[in-house]
Protein backbone atom coordinates (compact mmCIF):
# COMPACT_ATOMS: atom_id res chain seq x y z
CA MET A 1 11.20 -82.70 -187.44
CA GLU A 2 7.93 -84.23 -188.59
CA PHE A 3 7.64 -81.64 -191.36
CA ILE A 4 11.12 -82.44 -192.67
CA ILE A 5 10.47 -86.19 -192.76
CA GLU A 6 7.11 -85.65 -194.45
CA LEU A 7 8.68 -83.34 -197.03
CA ILE A 8 11.49 -85.79 -197.82
CA LEU A 9 9.12 -88.75 -198.15
CA GLU A 10 6.74 -86.75 -200.33
CA ILE A 11 9.55 -85.69 -202.65
CA VAL A 12 10.89 -89.24 -202.90
CA PHE A 13 7.42 -90.69 -203.51
CA ASP A 14 6.49 -88.07 -206.14
CA LEU A 15 9.82 -88.47 -207.92
CA GLY A 16 9.36 -92.24 -207.92
CA VAL A 17 5.90 -91.98 -209.44
CA GLU A 18 7.01 -89.51 -212.10
CA ALA A 19 10.14 -91.50 -212.95
CA SER A 20 8.20 -94.75 -213.19
CA MET A 21 5.95 -93.21 -215.85
CA SER A 22 8.69 -91.43 -217.82
CA ARG A 23 9.98 -92.83 -221.10
CA ARG A 24 13.41 -91.27 -220.49
CA VAL A 25 14.14 -93.60 -217.59
CA PRO A 26 15.38 -97.08 -218.58
CA ARG A 27 12.74 -99.78 -218.50
CA TRP A 28 14.43 -101.87 -215.80
CA VAL A 29 14.65 -98.85 -213.48
CA ARG A 30 10.96 -98.08 -214.07
CA TYR A 31 9.98 -101.65 -213.22
CA ILE A 32 11.99 -101.54 -210.00
CA LEU A 33 10.37 -98.23 -209.05
CA ILE A 34 6.90 -99.59 -209.77
CA VAL A 35 7.56 -102.63 -207.56
CA LEU A 36 9.00 -100.52 -204.73
CA LEU A 37 6.14 -98.02 -204.83
CA SER A 38 3.56 -100.81 -204.97
CA LEU A 39 5.15 -102.54 -201.99
CA ALA A 40 5.18 -99.29 -200.02
CA VAL A 41 1.48 -98.69 -200.67
CA LEU A 42 0.60 -102.30 -199.83
CA ALA A 43 2.66 -102.11 -196.63
CA LEU A 44 0.78 -98.98 -195.58
CA ILE A 45 -2.59 -100.62 -196.26
CA GLY A 46 -1.45 -103.74 -194.42
CA LEU A 47 -0.44 -101.63 -191.44
CA ILE A 48 -3.87 -100.00 -191.39
CA LEU A 49 -5.50 -103.45 -191.50
CA PHE A 50 -3.27 -104.64 -188.66
CA VAL A 51 -4.18 -101.63 -186.54
CA ALA A 52 -7.86 -102.17 -187.41
CA ALA A 53 -7.68 -105.75 -186.13
CA ALA A 54 -6.02 -104.56 -182.92
CA VAL A 55 -8.55 -101.76 -182.42
CA MET A 56 -11.44 -104.11 -183.12
CA LYS A 57 -10.64 -105.93 -179.87
CA GLU A 58 -11.30 -102.70 -177.96
CA THR A 59 -14.11 -101.13 -179.97
CA LEU A 60 -15.97 -102.69 -182.86
CA TRP A 61 -16.89 -99.41 -184.59
CA GLY A 62 -13.35 -98.07 -184.59
CA GLY A 63 -12.02 -101.29 -186.10
CA LEU A 64 -14.74 -101.36 -188.74
CA LEU A 65 -14.04 -97.74 -189.64
CA LEU A 66 -10.35 -98.49 -190.12
CA MET A 67 -11.23 -101.57 -192.20
CA VAL A 68 -13.43 -99.45 -194.46
CA ILE A 69 -10.65 -96.89 -194.85
CA ALA A 70 -8.17 -99.66 -195.75
CA VAL A 71 -10.54 -101.15 -198.34
CA VAL A 72 -11.17 -97.74 -199.90
CA LEU A 73 -7.42 -97.11 -200.08
CA LEU A 74 -6.85 -100.54 -201.64
CA VAL A 75 -9.54 -100.03 -204.29
CA SER A 76 -8.22 -96.53 -205.03
CA ALA A 77 -4.68 -97.87 -205.39
CA VAL A 78 -5.79 -100.58 -207.81
CA ILE A 79 -7.76 -98.10 -209.91
CA LYS A 80 -4.83 -95.65 -209.98
CA PHE A 81 -2.37 -98.42 -210.91
CA ARG A 82 -4.59 -99.63 -213.74
CA LYS A 83 -5.13 -96.10 -215.03
CA ASN A 84 -1.47 -95.07 -214.91
CA TYR A 85 0.30 -98.24 -216.02
CA LEU A 86 -2.00 -100.81 -217.61
CA CYS A 87 -4.42 -98.61 -219.58
CA ARG A 88 -1.61 -96.31 -220.65
CA ARG A 89 0.34 -99.24 -222.07
CA GLU A 90 -2.69 -100.55 -224.01
CA GLY A 91 -3.28 -97.11 -225.52
CA GLU A 92 0.33 -96.87 -226.79
CA GLU A 93 0.29 -100.13 -228.71
């Protein structure tokens, strides 16, 4: 069951990323996809931060490790967003 859910979510996420960068898809659909994908990534990072705060009450090192992972994911997401959407747009103009 876990494999099926993971496969479905991976397909939906990959299709969303590809469609949000495609010129064939209408602009308003691309913008909606970008917002939805960004919110999903931010929700995941927020969940990791929430769990890190909860774990930090039990063990400091576990909470700090989760905080570091969340920060790395956040920085990676910002770099990927800038590379895929912002820098790409500047190069086309």
